[in-house]
């Protein structure tokens, strides 16, 4: 059990002086978290899948916003060069705005008993006693503790 990462956590500029483990004004970032950036600007080529090994953290989003709208940094961490701007993970030159072909989801196994005879916009359906008693028997047959009628 437990967590293991072969890369030790890097240090980055502390956003404030609250962290008790500061070394030269830098705090540990913590364990790495895999992240997927799904965007028309993030798609790579089949031979270049756009996997980034740069150091990003939550302030990378702030750095992107500050860079895009020429805003001043909010904290010492997003002002530093210890973490990267999220824009480094994007390719603004060649966006891919095509819609991918996705598989159709499978049809549901059962109909929609909740609609009843009233339909979606009709009156609220009344539960059928046979449906509930059959469900109770099925649950009991599969080992669930139920109170049989």
Protein backbone atom coordinates (compact mmCIF):
# COMPACT_ATOMS: atom_id res chain seq x y z
CA UNK A 1 0.00 0.00 0.00
CA UNK A 2 0.90 3.64 0.06
CA UNK A 3 2.12 6.00 -2.59
CA UNK A 4 5.42 5.95 -4.38
CA UNK A 5 6.89 8.29 -6.94
CA UNK A 6 10.43 7.91 -8.22
CA UNK A 7 10.72 11.70 -8.60
CA UNK A 8 11.17 13.64 -5.34
CA UNK A 9 8.87 16.64 -4.94
CA UNK A 10 10.47 19.82 -6.23
CA UNK A 11 10.58 23.06 -4.29
CA UNK A 12 9.01 26.26 -5.54
CA UNK A 13 8.72 29.78 -4.23
CA UNK A 14 6.42 29.83 -1.22
CA UNK A 15 3.32 31.94 -1.86
CA UNK A 16 3.48 33.11 1.78
CA UNK A 17 5.48 32.47 4.96
CA UNK A 18 3.01 30.05 6.55
CA UNK A 19 4.73 26.81 5.49
CA UNK A 20 7.05 25.63 8.30
CA UNK A 21 9.37 23.72 5.91
CA UNK A 22 10.82 26.62 3.91
CA UNK A 23 14.33 26.26 2.51
CA UNK A 24 15.67 29.48 0.98
CA UNK A 25 12.09 30.73 0.67
CA UNK A 26 10.96 27.62 -1.22
CA UNK A 27 8.32 25.08 -0.16
CA UNK A 28 7.77 21.50 -1.31
CA UNK A 29 5.13 21.14 -4.02
CA UNK A 30 4.07 17.64 -2.96
CA UNK A 31 3.42 14.49 -5.00
CA UNK A 32 2.97 14.72 -8.74
CA UNK A 33 -0.60 14.57 -10.04
CA UNK A 34 -1.22 13.32 -13.59
CA UNK A 35 -3.31 15.81 -15.50
CA UNK A 36 -5.08 15.66 -18.86
CA UNK A 37 -5.58 18.91 -20.73
CA UNK A 38 -8.32 18.37 -23.29
CA UNK A 39 -8.46 21.32 -25.67
CA UNK A 40 -8.25 22.06 -29.39
CA UNK A 41 -4.85 23.56 -28.51
CA UNK A 42 -3.50 20.52 -26.66
CA UNK A 43 -3.70 17.80 -29.31
CA UNK A 44 -0.37 16.57 -30.61
CA UNK A 45 0.56 14.51 -33.62
CA UNK A 46 0.64 10.68 -33.55
CA UNK A 47 4.46 10.80 -33.51
CA UNK A 48 4.49 13.73 -31.00
CA UNK A 49 1.79 13.11 -28.37
CA UNK A 50 2.52 16.34 -26.42
CA UNK A 51 3.55 14.83 -23.09
CA UNK A 52 5.14 17.53 -20.98
CA UNK A 53 7.76 16.95 -18.27
CA UNK A 54 7.74 20.59 -17.14
CA UNK A 55 6.81 21.46 -13.55
CA UNK A 56 3.25 22.75 -13.28
CA UNK A 57 1.06 23.30 -10.24
CA UNK A 58 -2.22 25.02 -9.52
CA UNK A 59 -0.64 28.45 -9.92
CA UNK A 60 0.15 27.51 -13.53
CA UNK A 61 -3.47 28.35 -14.32
CA UNK A 62 -2.97 31.76 -12.66
CA UNK A 63 0.18 32.28 -14.71
CA UNK A 64 -1.77 31.55 -17.90
CA UNK A 65 -4.48 34.05 -16.98
CA UNK A 66 -1.93 36.68 -15.94
CA UNK A 67 0.06 36.16 -19.16
CA UNK A 68 -3.02 36.29 -21.40
CA UNK A 69 -4.46 39.50 -19.95
CA UNK A 70 -1.17 41.15 -18.88
CA UNK A 71 -2.06 41.08 -15.19
CA UNK A 72 0.45 41.34 -12.33
CA UNK A 73 1.18 38.16 -10.32
CA UNK A 74 -0.96 37.51 -7.25
CA UNK A 75 1.64 35.65 -5.18
CA UNK A 76 5.37 35.06 -5.04
CA UNK A 77 4.91 31.57 -6.50
CA UNK A 78 3.18 32.67 -9.70
CA UNK A 79 5.71 35.49 -9.98
CA UNK A 80 8.60 32.99 -9.86
CA UNK A 81 10.05 30.82 -12.60
CA UNK A 82 9.80 27.70 -10.40
CA UNK A 83 6.51 26.58 -11.97
CA UNK A 84 5.56 26.97 -15.61
CA UNK A 85 2.80 28.85 -17.33
CA UNK A 86 0.12 26.41 -18.53
CA UNK A 87 0.51 27.95 -22.00
CA UNK A 88 3.66 25.81 -22.41
CA UNK A 89 1.39 22.76 -22.64
CA UNK A 90 -0.70 24.30 -25.43
CA UNK A 91 -0.08 24.89 -29.13
CA UNK A 92 -1.80 28.11 -30.17
CA UNK A 93 -0.36 27.96 -33.70
CA UNK A 94 -2.26 24.87 -34.86
CA UNK A 95 -5.58 24.36 -33.08
CA UNK A 96 -7.54 21.25 -34.00
CA UNK A 97 -11.24 22.11 -33.87
CA UNK A 98 -12.46 18.97 -35.64
CA UNK A 99 -14.96 16.85 -33.77
CA UNK A 100 -13.64 13.34 -33.17
CA UNK A 101 -15.68 10.33 -34.16
CA UNK A 102 -16.91 8.78 -30.94
CA UNK A 103 -18.54 5.38 -30.49
CA UNK A 104 -22.27 5.31 -29.91
CA UNK A 105 -23.19 4.42 -26.35
CA UNK A 106 -24.96 1.09 -25.92
CA UNK A 107 -28.72 1.15 -25.62
CA UNK A 108 -30.04 0.69 -22.08
CA UNK A 109 -30.91 -2.89 -21.17
CA UNK A 110 -34.28 -1.92 -19.77
CA UNK A 111 -36.91 0.54 -20.89
CA UNK A 112 -37.69 3.62 -18.87
CA UNK A 113 -40.25 2.42 -16.29
CA UNK A 114 -40.15 5.79 -14.53
CA UNK A 115 -41.98 7.46 -17.40
CA UNK A 116 -45.15 5.40 -16.94
CA UNK A 117 -48.12 6.17 -19.12
CA UNK A 118 -47.83 9.90 -18.53
CA UNK A 119 -44.60 10.31 -20.51
CA UNK A 120 -41.90 12.80 -19.69
CA UNK A 121 -44.20 15.81 -19.49
CA UNK A 122 -47.25 13.94 -18.22
CA UNK A 123 -48.43 13.29 -14.71
CA UNK A 124 -46.17 11.50 -12.28
CA UNK A 125 -46.38 7.74 -12.86
CA UNK A 126 -47.83 5.49 -10.22
CA UNK A 127 -45.56 2.62 -9.21
CA UNK A 128 -46.65 -0.81 -10.36
CA UNK A 129 -46.82 -3.21 -7.40
CA UNK A 130 -45.77 -6.15 -9.59
CA UNK A 131 -42.56 -4.38 -10.63
CA UNK A 132 -41.56 -3.74 -7.01
CA UNK A 133 -42.43 -7.22 -5.81
CA UNK A 134 -40.42 -8.76 -8.69
CA UNK A 135 -37.47 -6.50 -7.80
CA UNK A 136 -37.71 -7.58 -4.16
CA UNK A 137 -37.72 -11.27 -5.13
CA UNK A 138 -34.76 -10.74 -7.48
CA UNK A 139 -32.77 -8.96 -4.76
CA UNK A 140 -33.49 -11.74 -2.25
CA UNK A 141 -32.47 -14.41 -4.82
CA UNK A 142 -29.12 -12.61 -5.28
CA UNK A 143 -28.29 -12.59 -1.57
CA UNK A 144 -29.49 -9.12 -0.55
CA UNK A 145 -31.21 -8.86 2.81
CA UNK A 146 -34.74 -7.77 2.02
CA UNK A 147 -38.05 -8.01 3.77
CA UNK A 148 -40.32 -10.14 1.63
CA UNK A 149 -44.01 -9.14 1.51
